Amino acid sequence: MTSEQTSRGVTFEVQLTQNCGLGLEIIDRSLAMGHRITSVLSALKIARSTYYQWKNWHPSQQETHRRIFTVHFEH
């Protein structure tokens, strides 16, 4: 494996961990195709706890207020 291939893999892993929406979409599609959750998470190098943290995430009250404020005052 070349360093270029390694960096591509690491970049993809970083993108997944920084973008839970992308990770959840990939995982949900894989599950819909009949793959087991343990196999999918292992292949993507995502901890099971991270997956469930993503699935159960809800914005805090402060985050919700911040989004409303930003949308309201940007327009």
PDB file of N, CA and C in Angstrom:
ATOM      1  N   MET A   1       0.845  -1.177   0.000  1.00  0.00           N
ATOM      2  CA  MET A   1       0.000   0.000   0.000  1.00  0.00           C
ATOM      3  C   MET A   1       0.890   1.239   0.000  1.00  0.00           C
ATOM      4  N   THR A   2       0.607   2.141  -0.890  1.00  0.00           N
ATOM      5  CA  THR A   2       1.403   3.362  -0.976  1.00  0.00           C
ATOM      6  C   THR A   2       0.907   4.380   0.042  1.00  0.00           C
ATOM      7  N   SER A   3       1.715   5.407   0.282  1.00  0.00           N
ATOM      8  CA  SER A   3       1.302   6.451   1.214  1.00  0.00           C
ATOM      9  C   SER A   3       0.094   7.200   0.672  1.00  0.00           C
ATOM     10  N   GLU A   4      -0.028   7.282  -0.655  1.00  0.00           N
ATOM     11  CA  GLU A   4      -1.180   7.950  -1.257  1.00  0.00           C
ATOM     12  C   GLU A   4      -2.457   7.183  -0.948  1.00  0.00           C
ATOM     13  N   GLN A   5      -2.402   5.855  -1.061  1.00  0.00           N
ATOM     14  CA  GLN A   5      -3.574   5.045  -0.750  1.00  0.00           C
ATOM     15  C   GLN A   5      -3.919   5.158   0.732  1.00  0.00           C
ATOM     16  N   THR A   6      -2.906   5.169   1.586  1.00  0.00           N
ATOM     17  CA  THR A   6      -3.129   5.292   3.014  1.00  0.00           C
ATOM     18  C   THR A   6      -3.782   6.624   3.333  1.00  0.00           C
ATOM     19  N   SER A   7      -3.285   7.693   2.736  1.00  0.00           N
ATOM     20  CA  SER A   7      -3.850   9.009   3.033  1.00  0.00           C
ATOM     21  C   SER A   7      -5.293   9.107   2.536  1.00  0.00           C
ATOM     22  N   ARG A   8      -5.601   8.474   1.423  1.00  0.00           N
ATOM     23  CA  ARG A   8      -6.984   8.474   0.937  1.00  0.00           C
ATOM     24  C   ARG A   8      -7.892   7.776   1.920  1.00  0.00           C
ATOM     25  N   GLY A   9      -7.458   6.636   2.440  1.00  0.00           N
ATOM     26  CA  GLY A   9      -8.249   5.896   3.415  1.00  0.00           C
ATOM     27  C   GLY A   9      -8.455   6.701   4.687  1.00  0.00           C
ATOM     28  N   VAL A  10      -7.403   7.316   5.163  1.00  0.00           N
ATOM     29  CA  VAL A  10      -7.495   8.128   6.364  1.00  0.00           C
ATOM     30  C   VAL A  10      -8.414   9.311   6.116  1.00  0.00           C
ATOM     31  N   THR A  11      -8.297   9.937   4.954  1.00  0.00           N
ATOM     32  CA  THR A  11      -9.157  11.068   4.627  1.00  0.00           C
ATOM     33  C   THR A  11     -10.623  10.640   4.649  1.00  0.00           C
ATOM     34  N   PHE A  12     -10.931   9.492   4.087  1.00  0.00           N
ATOM     35  CA  PHE A  12     -12.309   8.999   4.070  1.00  0.00           C
ATOM     36  C   PHE A  12     -12.800   8.749   5.494  1.00  0.00           C
ATOM     37  N   GLU A  13     -11.946   8.135   6.325  1.00  0.00           N
ATOM     38  CA  GLU A  13     -12.324   7.869   7.710  1.00  0.00           C
ATOM     39  C   GLU A  13     -12.575   9.167   8.459  1.00  0.00           C
ATOM     40  N   VAL A  14     -11.748  10.161   8.235  1.00  0.00           N
ATOM     41  CA  VAL A  14     -11.924  11.460   8.891  1.00  0.00           C
ATOM     42  C   VAL A  14     -13.216  12.099   8.425  1.00  0.00           C
ATOM     43  N   GLN A  15     -13.515  12.017   7.130  1.00  0.00           N
ATOM     44  CA  GLN A  15     -14.766  12.573   6.610  1.00  0.00           C
ATOM     45  C   GLN A  15     -15.961  11.910   7.269  1.00  0.00           C
ATOM     46  N   LEU A  16     -15.907  10.606   7.444  1.00  0.00           N
ATOM     47  CA  LEU A  16     -17.019   9.895   8.074  1.00  0.00           C
ATOM     48  C   LEU A  16     -17.197  10.322   9.519  1.00  0.00           C
ATOM     49  N   THR A  17     -16.096  10.414  10.258  1.00  0.00           N
ATOM     50  CA  THR A  17     -16.232  10.750  11.667  1.00  0.00           C
ATOM     51  C   THR A  17     -16.618  12.205  11.869  1.00  0.00           C
ATOM     52  N   GLN A  18     -16.301  13.071  10.928  1.00  0.00           N
ATOM     53  CA  GLN A  18     -16.658  14.479  11.051  1.00  0.00           C
ATOM     54  C   GLN A  18     -18.045  14.774  10.469  1.00  0.00           C
ATOM     55  N   ASN A  19     -18.574  13.871   9.685  1.00  0.00           N
ATOM     56  CA  ASN A  19     -19.874  14.092   9.051  1.00  0.00           C
ATOM     57  C   ASN A  19     -20.766  12.893   9.356  1.00  0.00           C
ATOM     58  N   CYS A  20     -21.456  12.985  10.484  1.00  0.00           N
ATOM     59  CA  CYS A  20     -22.268  11.837  10.894  1.00  0.00           C
ATOM     60  C   CYS A  20     -23.388  11.558   9.892  1.00  0.00           C
ATOM     61  N   GLY A  21     -23.877  12.586   9.196  1.00  0.00           N
ATOM     62  CA  GLY A  21     -24.924  12.373   8.196  1.00  0.00           C
ATOM     63  C   GLY A  21     -24.460  11.446   7.094  1.00  0.00           C
ATOM     64  N   LEU A  22     -23.244  11.661   6.611  1.00  0.00           N
ATOM     65  CA  LEU A  22     -22.671  10.805   5.578  1.00  0.00           C
ATOM     66  C   LEU A  22     -22.492   9.391   6.107  1.00  0.00           C
ATOM     67  N   GLY A  23     -21.954   9.283   7.304  1.00  0.00           N
ATOM     68  CA  GLY A  23     -21.739   7.966   7.899  1.00  0.00           C
ATOM     69  C   GLY A  23     -23.042   7.207   8.088  1.00  0.00           C
ATOM     70  N   LEU A  24     -24.059   7.886   8.605  1.00  0.00           N
ATOM     71  CA  LEU A  24     -25.358   7.237   8.816  1.00  0.00           C
ATOM     72  C   LEU A  24     -25.991   6.813   7.504  1.00  0.00           C
ATOM     73  N   GLU A  25     -25.839   7.643   6.487  1.00  0.00           N
ATOM     74  CA  GLU A  25     -26.402   7.289   5.181  1.00  0.00           C
ATOM     75  C   GLU A  25     -25.755   6.018   4.635  1.00  0.00           C
ATOM     76  N   ILE A  26     -24.453   5.938   4.706  1.00  0.00           N
ATOM     77  CA  ILE A  26     -23.737   4.752   4.220  1.00  0.00           C
ATOM     78  C   ILE A  26     -24.135   3.527   5.038  1.00  0.00           C
ATOM     79  N   ILE A  27     -24.184   3.688   6.353  1.00  0.00           N
ATOM     80  CA  ILE A  27     -24.536   2.561   7.223  1.00  0.00           C
ATOM     81  C   ILE A  27     -25.970   2.116   6.963  1.00  0.00           C
ATOM     82  N   ASP A  28     -26.900   3.053   6.893  1.00  0.00           N
ATOM     83  CA  ASP A  28     -28.308   2.696   6.660  1.00  0.00           C
ATOM     84  C   ASP A  28     -28.500   1.990   5.323  1.00  0.00           C
ATOM     85  N   ARG A  29     -27.803   2.441   4.286  1.00  0.00           N
ATOM     86  CA  ARG A  29     -27.904   1.767   2.981  1.00  0.00           C
ATOM     87  C   ARG A  29     -27.361   0.351   3.056  1.00  0.00           C
ATOM     88  N   SER A  30     -26.252   0.192   3.765  1.00  0.00           N
ATOM     89  CA  SER A  30     -25.658  -1.145   3.904  1.00  0.00           C
ATOM     90  C   SER A  30     -26.579  -2.071   4.683  1.00  0.00           C
ATOM     91  N   LEU A  31     -27.202  -1.547   5.732  1.00  0.00           N
ATOM     92  CA  LEU A  31     -28.136  -2.357   6.520  1.00  0.00           C
ATOM     93  C   LEU A  31     -29.356  -2.740   5.683  1.00  0.00           C
ATOM     94  N   ALA A  32     -29.826  -1.814   4.849  1.00  0.00           N
ATOM     95  CA  ALA A  32     -30.979  -2.084   3.984  1.00  0.00           C
ATOM     96  C   ALA A  32     -30.661  -3.186   2.970  1.00  0.00           C
ATOM     97  N   MET A  33     -29.397  -3.316   2.615  1.00  0.00           N
ATOM     98  CA  MET A  33     -28.991  -4.362   1.673  1.00  0.00           C
ATOM     99  C   MET A  33     -28.765  -5.696   2.375  1.00  0.00           C
ATOM    100  N   GLY A  34     -28.969  -5.727   3.705  1.00  0.00           N
ATOM    101  CA  GLY A  34     -28.884  -6.978   4.440  1.00  0.00           C
ATOM    102  C   GLY A  34     -27.560  -7.236   5.137  1.00  0.00           C
ATOM    103  N   HIS A  35     -26.651  -6.277   5.122  1.00  0.00           N
ATOM    104  CA  HIS A  35     -25.377  -6.454   5.819  1.00  0.00           C
ATOM    105  C   HIS A  35     -25.584  -6.316   7.324  1.00  0.00           C
ATOM    106  N   ARG A  36     -24.762  -6.999   8.088  1.00  0.00           N
ATOM    107  CA  ARG A  36     -24.853  -6.937   9.541  1.00  0.00           C
ATOM    108  C   ARG A  36     -24.161  -5.683  10.048  1.00  0.00           C
ATOM    109  N   ILE A  37     -24.712  -5.095  11.101  1.00  0.00           N
ATOM    110  CA  ILE A  37     -24.188  -3.849  11.643  1.00  0.00           C
ATOM    111  C   ILE A  37     -22.724  -3.992  12.063  1.00  0.00           C
ATOM    112  N   THR A  38     -22.359  -5.127  12.648  1.00  0.00           N
ATOM    113  CA  THR A  38     -20.981  -5.308  13.088  1.00  0.00           C
ATOM    114  C   THR A  38     -20.021  -5.327  11.896  1.00  0.00           C
ATOM    115  N   SER A  39     -20.435  -5.936  10.796  1.00  0.00           N
ATOM    116  CA  SER A  39     -19.591  -5.990   9.602  1.00  0.00           C
ATOM    117  C   SER A  39     -19.440  -4.610   8.970  1.00  0.00           C
ATOM    118  N   VAL A  40     -20.540  -3.875   8.907  1.00  0.00           N
ATOM    119  CA  VAL A  40     -20.516  -2.546   8.296  1.00  0.00           C
ATOM    120  C   VAL A  40     -19.621  -1.616   9.104  1.00  0.00           C
ATOM    121  N   LEU A  41     -19.826  -1.592  10.414  1.00  0.00           N
ATOM    122  CA  LEU A  41     -19.035  -0.701  11.263  1.00  0.00           C
ATOM    123  C   LEU A  41     -17.564  -1.077  11.246  1.00  0.00           C
ATOM    124  N   SER A  42     -17.288  -2.354  11.221  1.00  0.00           N
ATOM    125  CA  SER A  42     -15.899  -2.813  11.164  1.00  0.00           C
ATOM    126  C   SER A  42     -15.237  -2.381   9.860  1.00  0.00           C
ATOM    127  N   ALA A  43     -15.946  -2.538   8.747  1.00  0.00           N
ATOM    128  CA  ALA A  43     -15.399  -2.156   7.444  1.00  0.00           C
ATOM    129  C   ALA A  43     -15.138  -0.656   7.366  1.00  0.00           C
ATOM    130  N   LEU A  44     -15.998   0.140   8.001  1.00  0.00           N
ATOM    131  CA  LEU A  44     -15.859   1.596   7.969  1.00  0.00           C
ATOM    132  C   LEU A  44     -14.959   2.126   9.081  1.00  0.00           C
ATOM    133  N   LYS A  45     -14.539   1.208   9.967  1.00  0.00           N
ATOM    134  CA  LYS A  45     -13.697   1.571  11.113  1.00  0.00           C
ATOM    135  C   LYS A  45     -14.375   2.617  11.988  1.00  0.00           C
ATOM    136  N   ILE A  46     -15.642   2.365  12.261  1.00  0.00           N
ATOM    137  CA  ILE A  46     -16.432   3.220  13.139  1.00  0.00           C
ATOM    138  C   ILE A  46     -16.800   2.402  14.372  1.00  0.00           C
ATOM    139  N   ALA A  47     -16.534   2.962  15.537  1.00  0.00           N
ATOM    140  CA  ALA A  47     -16.870   2.270  16.781  1.00  0.00           C
ATOM    141  C   ALA A  47     -18.387   2.162  16.910  1.00  0.00           C
ATOM    142  N   ARG A  48     -18.824   1.069  17.482  1.00  0.00           N
ATOM    143  CA  ARG A  48     -20.259   0.870  17.674  1.00  0.00           C
ATOM    144  C   ARG A  48     -20.853   2.001  18.522  1.00  0.00           C
ATOM    145  N   SER A  49     -20.102   2.437  19.533  1.00  0.00           N
ATOM    146  CA  SER A  49     -20.582   3.524  20.392  1.00  0.00           C
ATOM    147  C   SER A  49     -20.749   4.815  19.595  1.00  0.00           C
ATOM    148  N   THR A  50     -19.860   5.059  18.646  1.00  0.00           N
ATOM    149  CA  THR A  50     -19.963   6.250  17.795  1.00  0.00           C
ATOM    150  C   THR A  50     -21.228   6.174  16.955  1.00  0.00           C
ATOM    151  N   TYR A  51     -21.499   5.021  16.390  1.00  0.00           N
ATOM    152  CA  TYR A  51     -22.707   4.831  15.579  1.00  0.00           C
ATOM    153  C   TYR A  51     -23.959   5.143  16.389  1.00  0.00           C
ATOM    154  N   TYR A  52     -24.057   4.589  17.590  1.00  0.00           N
ATOM    155  CA  TYR A  52     -25.252   4.819  18.405  1.00  0.00           C
ATOM    156  C   TYR A  52     -25.313   6.256  18.907  1.00  0.00           C
ATOM    157  N   GLN A  53     -24.174   6.865  19.104  1.00  0.00           N
ATOM    158  CA  GLN A  53     -24.145   8.286  19.472  1.00  0.00           C
ATOM    159  C   GLN A  53     -24.726   9.121  18.333  1.00  0.00           C
ATOM    160  N   TRP A  54     -24.354   8.794  17.105  1.00  0.00           N
ATOM    161  CA  TRP A  54     -24.897   9.485  15.931  1.00  0.00           C
ATOM    162  C   TRP A  54     -26.405   9.261  15.836  1.00  0.00           C
ATOM    163  N   LYS A  55     -26.839   8.014  15.977  1.00  0.00           N
ATOM    164  CA  LYS A  55     -28.256   7.671  15.819  1.00  0.00           C
ATOM    165  C   LYS A  55     -29.124   8.384  16.846  1.00  0.00           C
ATOM    166  N   ASN A  56     -28.624   8.581  18.044  1.00  0.00           N
ATOM    167  CA  ASN A  56     -29.417   9.145  19.135  1.00  0.00           C
ATOM    168  C   ASN A  56     -29.179  10.637  19.348  1.00  0.00           C
ATOM    169  N   TRP A  57     -28.422  11.277  18.475  1.00  0.00           N
ATOM    170  CA  TRP A  57     -28.086  12.688  18.647  1.00  0.00           C
ATOM    171  C   TRP A  57     -29.280  13.585  18.358  1.00  0.00           C
ATOM    172  N   HIS A  58     -29.457  14.568  19.204  1.00  0.00           N
ATOM    173  CA  HIS A  58     -30.451  15.617  19.015  1.00  0.00           C
ATOM    174  C   HIS A  58     -29.761  16.932  19.350  1.00  0.00           C
ATOM    175  N   PRO A  59     -30.040  17.989  18.611  1.00  0.00           N
ATOM    176  CA  PRO A  59     -29.397  19.262  18.922  1.00  0.00           C
ATOM    177  C   PRO A  59     -29.823  19.751  20.306  1.00  0.00           C
ATOM    178  N   SER A  60     -28.881  20.368  20.999  1.00  0.00           N
ATOM    179  CA  SER A  60     -29.195  20.932  22.307  1.00  0.00           C
ATOM    180  C   SER A  60     -30.118  22.130  22.121  1.00  0.00           C
ATOM    181  N   GLN A  61     -30.704  22.576  23.212  1.00  0.00           N
ATOM    182  CA  GLN A  61     -31.582  23.741  23.144  1.00  0.00           C
ATOM    183  C   GLN A  61     -30.796  24.956  22.658  1.00  0.00           C
ATOM    184  N   GLN A  62     -29.557  25.078  23.109  1.00  0.00           N
ATOM    185  CA  GLN A  62     -28.715  26.195  22.681  1.00  0.00           C
ATOM    186  C   GLN A  62     -28.441  26.129  21.179  1.00  0.00           C
ATOM    187  N   GLU A  63     -28.157  24.938  20.667  1.00  0.00           N
ATOM    188  CA  GLU A  63     -27.902  24.772  19.232  1.00  0.00           C
ATOM    189  C   GLU A  63     -29.155  25.110  18.420  1.00  0.00           C
ATOM    190  N   THR A  64     -30.299  24.696  18.902  1.00  0.00           N
ATOM    191  CA  THR A  64     -31.555  24.999  18.219  1.00  0.00           C
ATOM    192  C   THR A  64     -31.787  26.508  18.164  1.00  0.00           C
ATOM    193  N   HIS A  65     -31.571  27.178  19.277  1.00  0.00           N
ATOM    194  CA  HIS A  65     -31.733  28.633  19.316  1.00  0.00           C
ATOM    195  C   HIS A  65     -30.737  29.318  18.387  1.00  0.00           C
ATOM    196  N   ARG A  66     -29.506  28.831  18.368  1.00  0.00           N
ATOM    197  CA  ARG A  66     -28.467  29.407  17.511  1.00  0.00           C
ATOM    198  C   ARG A  66     -28.852  29.286  16.036  1.00  0.00           C
ATOM    199  N   ARG A  67     -29.390  28.139  15.653  1.00  0.00           N
ATOM    200  CA  ARG A  67     -29.805  27.940  14.256  1.00  0.00           C
ATOM    201  C   ARG A  67     -30.962  28.869  13.886  1.00  0.00           C
ATOM    202  N   ILE A  68     -31.932  29.000  14.770  1.00  0.00           N
ATOM    203  CA  ILE A  68     -33.058  29.883  14.511  1.00  0.00           C
ATOM    204  C   ILE A  68     -32.580  31.326  14.373  1.00  0.00           C
ATOM    205  N   PHE A  69     -31.723  31.728  15.283  1.00  0.00           N
ATOM    206  CA  PHE A  69     -31.179  33.083  15.269  1.00  0.00           C
ATOM    207  C   PHE A  69     -30.429  33.351  13.966  1.00  0.00           C
ATOM    208  N   THR A  70     -29.584  32.406  13.580  1.00  0.00           N
ATOM    209  CA  THR A  70     -28.782  32.562  12.361  1.00  0.00           C
ATOM    210  C   THR A  70     -29.673  32.656  11.131  1.00  0.00           C
ATOM    211  N   VAL A  71     -30.651  31.784  11.013  1.00  0.00           N
ATOM    212  CA  VAL A  71     -31.546  31.794   9.855  1.00  0.00           C
ATOM    213  C   VAL A  71     -32.376  33.074   9.841  1.00  0.00           C
ATOM    214  N   HIS A  72     -32.877  33.471  10.983  1.00  0.00           N
ATOM    215  CA  HIS A  72     -33.738  34.642  11.071  1.00  0.00           C
ATOM    216  C   HIS A  72     -32.995  35.925  10.715  1.00  0.00           C
ATOM    217  N   PHE A  73     -31.766  36.083  11.183  1.00  0.00           N
ATOM    218  CA  PHE A  73     -31.045  37.320  10.985  1.00  0.00           C
ATOM    219  C   PHE A  73     -30.161  37.345   9.739  1.00  0.00           C
ATOM    220  N   GLU A  74     -30.003  36.226   9.065  1.00  0.00           N
ATOM    221  CA  GLU A  74     -29.230  36.205   7.823  1.00  0.00           C
ATOM    222  C   GLU A  74     -30.077  36.687   6.653  1.00  0.00           C
ATOM    223  N   HIS A  75     -31.366  36.543   6.747  1.00  0.00           N
ATOM    224  CA  HIS A  75     -32.249  36.885   5.606  1.00  0.00           C
ATOM    225  C   HIS A  75     -32.829  38.220   5.768  1.00  0.00           C
TER     226      HIS A  75
END
